[in-house]
Amino acid sequence: MESLVAMPNIGKELAKKLTFAEISSPEELRFLGSKNAFLKIKTIYPEDACINMLYALEGAIQDIRWHHLDKNAKADLLDFYRSL
């Protein structure tokens, strides 16, 4: 089983936050999607849940660095983030 820290953009701290949010594997993260995973983290760590974290989660799911997300994906995520 692949570990969360093996995914792009997921360091030890974000992996710990995901685990506390009951997301313990890349498969679970992919199943939930970046937005739902972000909401779970935001519930526990509201002060740490920023737009870059949301981008990082989506990049991890797509198996790319978040800096390489396409403009449409970033715009969609930003709209979602601003709606919260």
C-alpha atoms as a PDB file:
ATOM      1  CA  MET A   1       0.000   0.000   0.000  1.00  0.00           C
ATOM      2  CA  GLU A   2       1.319   3.406  -0.986  1.00  0.00           C
ATOM      3  CA  SER A   3       1.752   5.933   1.822  1.00  0.00           C
ATOM      4  CA  LEU A   4       0.400   9.463   1.793  1.00  0.00           C
ATOM      5  CA  VAL A   5       3.882  11.023   1.968  1.00  0.00           C
ATOM      6  CA  ALA A   6       4.821   9.198  -1.241  1.00  0.00           C
ATOM      7  CA  MET A   7       2.307  11.381  -3.090  1.00  0.00           C
ATOM      8  CA  PRO A   8       3.373  14.715  -4.599  1.00  0.00           C
ATOM      9  CA  ASN A   9       2.742  17.719  -2.319  1.00  0.00           C
ATOM     10  CA  ILE A  10       2.065  15.574   0.770  1.00  0.00           C
ATOM     11  CA  GLY A  11       4.687  16.095   3.443  1.00  0.00           C
ATOM     12  CA  LYS A  12       4.682  14.778   6.985  1.00  0.00           C
ATOM     13  CA  GLU A  13       2.511  17.590   8.366  1.00  0.00           C
ATOM     14  CA  LEU A  14      -0.204  17.327   5.732  1.00  0.00           C
ATOM     15  CA  ALA A  15      -0.125  13.532   6.011  1.00  0.00           C
ATOM     16  CA  LYS A  16      -0.649  13.881   9.762  1.00  0.00           C
ATOM     17  CA  LYS A  17      -3.598  16.215   9.205  1.00  0.00           C
ATOM     18  CA  LEU A  18      -5.104  13.807   6.677  1.00  0.00           C
ATOM     19  CA  THR A  19      -4.706  10.934   9.134  1.00  0.00           C
ATOM     20  CA  PHE A  20      -6.430  12.910  11.901  1.00  0.00           C
ATOM     21  CA  ALA A  21      -9.228  13.564   9.394  1.00  0.00           C
ATOM     22  CA  GLU A  22      -9.506   9.779   8.964  1.00  0.00           C
ATOM     23  CA  ILE A  23      -7.895   9.720   5.529  1.00  0.00           C
ATOM     24  CA  SER A  24      -5.056   7.261   5.883  1.00  0.00           C
ATOM     25  CA  SER A  25      -4.168   6.198   2.354  1.00  0.00           C
ATOM     26  CA  PRO A  26      -3.817   7.610  -1.135  1.00  0.00           C
ATOM     27  CA  GLU A  27      -6.757   5.456  -2.198  1.00  0.00           C
ATOM     28  CA  GLU A  28      -8.992   7.093   0.407  1.00  0.00           C
ATOM     29  CA  LEU A  29      -7.819  10.550  -0.659  1.00  0.00           C
ATOM     30  CA  ARG A  30      -8.515   9.794  -4.315  1.00  0.00           C
ATOM     31  CA  PHE A  31     -11.938   8.372  -3.447  1.00  0.00           C
ATOM     32  CA  LEU A  32     -12.947  11.433  -1.402  1.00  0.00           C
ATOM     33  CA  GLY A  33     -11.501  13.986  -3.787  1.00  0.00           C
ATOM     34  CA  SER A  34      -9.620  17.135  -2.889  1.00  0.00           C
ATOM     35  CA  LYS A  35     -12.648  19.225  -1.918  1.00  0.00           C
ATOM     36  CA  ASN A  36     -14.112  16.679   0.508  1.00  0.00           C
ATOM     37  CA  ALA A  37     -10.704  15.926   1.994  1.00  0.00           C
ATOM     38  CA  PHE A  38     -10.106  19.650   2.434  1.00  0.00           C
ATOM     39  CA  LEU A  39     -13.449  20.059   4.215  1.00  0.00           C
ATOM     40  CA  LYS A  40     -12.577  17.249   6.622  1.00  0.00           C
ATOM     41  CA  ILE A  41      -9.214  18.861   7.410  1.00  0.00           C
ATOM     42  CA  LYS A  42     -10.794  22.311   7.726  1.00  0.00           C
ATOM     43  CA  THR A  43     -13.184  20.972  10.358  1.00  0.00           C
ATOM     44  CA  ILE A  44     -10.245  19.917  12.542  1.00  0.00           C
ATOM     45  CA  TYR A  45      -7.658  22.552  11.561  1.00  0.00           C
ATOM     46  CA  PRO A  46      -9.612  25.638  10.464  1.00  0.00           C
ATOM     47  CA  GLU A  47      -6.611  27.953  10.873  1.00  0.00           C
ATOM     48  CA  ASP A  48      -4.385  25.782   8.660  1.00  0.00           C
ATOM     49  CA  ALA A  49      -6.820  25.137   5.814  1.00  0.00           C
ATOM     50  CA  CYS A  50      -5.626  27.487   3.072  1.00  0.00           C
ATOM     51  CA  ILE A  51      -5.967  27.566  -0.691  1.00  0.00           C
ATOM     52  CA  ASN A  52      -2.474  26.135  -1.157  1.00  0.00           C
ATOM     53  CA  MET A  53      -3.479  23.082   0.868  1.00  0.00           C
ATOM     54  CA  LEU A  54      -6.465  22.575  -1.415  1.00  0.00           C
ATOM     55  CA  TYR A  55      -4.219  22.889  -4.467  1.00  0.00           C
ATOM     56  CA  ALA A  56      -1.749  20.445  -2.881  1.00  0.00           C
ATOM     57  CA  LEU A  57      -4.470  17.867  -2.321  1.00  0.00           C
ATOM     58  CA  GLU A  58      -5.700  18.131  -5.910  1.00  0.00           C
ATOM     59  CA  GLY A  59      -2.153  17.915  -7.231  1.00  0.00           C
ATOM     60  CA  ALA A  60      -1.540  14.813  -5.112  1.00  0.00           C
ATOM     61  CA  ILE A  61      -4.651  13.193  -6.534  1.00  0.00           C
ATOM     62  CA  GLN A  62      -3.530  14.051 -10.078  1.00  0.00           C
ATOM     63  CA  ASP A  63       0.024  12.876  -9.224  1.00  0.00           C
ATOM     64  CA  ILE A  64       1.576  16.246 -10.092  1.00  0.00           C
ATOM     65  CA  ARG A  65       3.060  19.173  -8.199  1.00  0.00           C
ATOM     66  CA  TRP A  66       0.275  21.628  -7.438  1.00  0.00           C
ATOM     67  CA  HIS A  67       2.112  24.343  -9.364  1.00  0.00           C
ATOM     68  CA  HIS A  68       1.344  22.379 -12.539  1.00  0.00           C
ATOM     69  CA  LEU A  69      -2.432  22.224 -12.094  1.00  0.00           C
ATOM     70  CA  ASP A  70      -4.141  23.641 -15.145  1.00  0.00           C
ATOM     71  CA  LYS A  71      -5.750  27.062 -14.908  1.00  0.00           C
ATOM     72  CA  ASN A  72      -9.302  25.701 -15.049  1.00  0.00           C
ATOM     73  CA  ALA A  73      -8.687  23.333 -12.140  1.00  0.00           C
ATOM     74  CA  LYS A  74      -7.130  26.128 -10.080  1.00  0.00           C
ATOM     75  CA  ALA A  75     -10.023  28.477 -10.884  1.00  0.00           C
ATOM     76  CA  ASP A  76     -12.563  25.819  -9.860  1.00  0.00           C
ATOM     77  CA  LEU A  77     -10.740  25.156  -6.603  1.00  0.00           C
ATOM     78  CA  LEU A  78     -10.436  28.869  -5.873  1.00  0.00           C
ATOM     79  CA  ASP A  79     -14.167  29.347  -6.438  1.00  0.00           C
ATOM     80  CA  PHE A  80     -14.858  26.454  -4.065  1.00  0.00           C
ATOM     81  CA  TYR A  81     -12.480  27.864  -1.447  1.00  0.00           C
ATOM     82  CA  ARG A  82     -14.041  31.328  -1.631  1.00  0.00           C
ATOM     83  CA  SER A  83     -17.527  29.833  -1.238  1.00  0.00           C
ATOM     84  CA  LEU A  84     -16.663  28.442   2.201  1.00  0.00           C
END
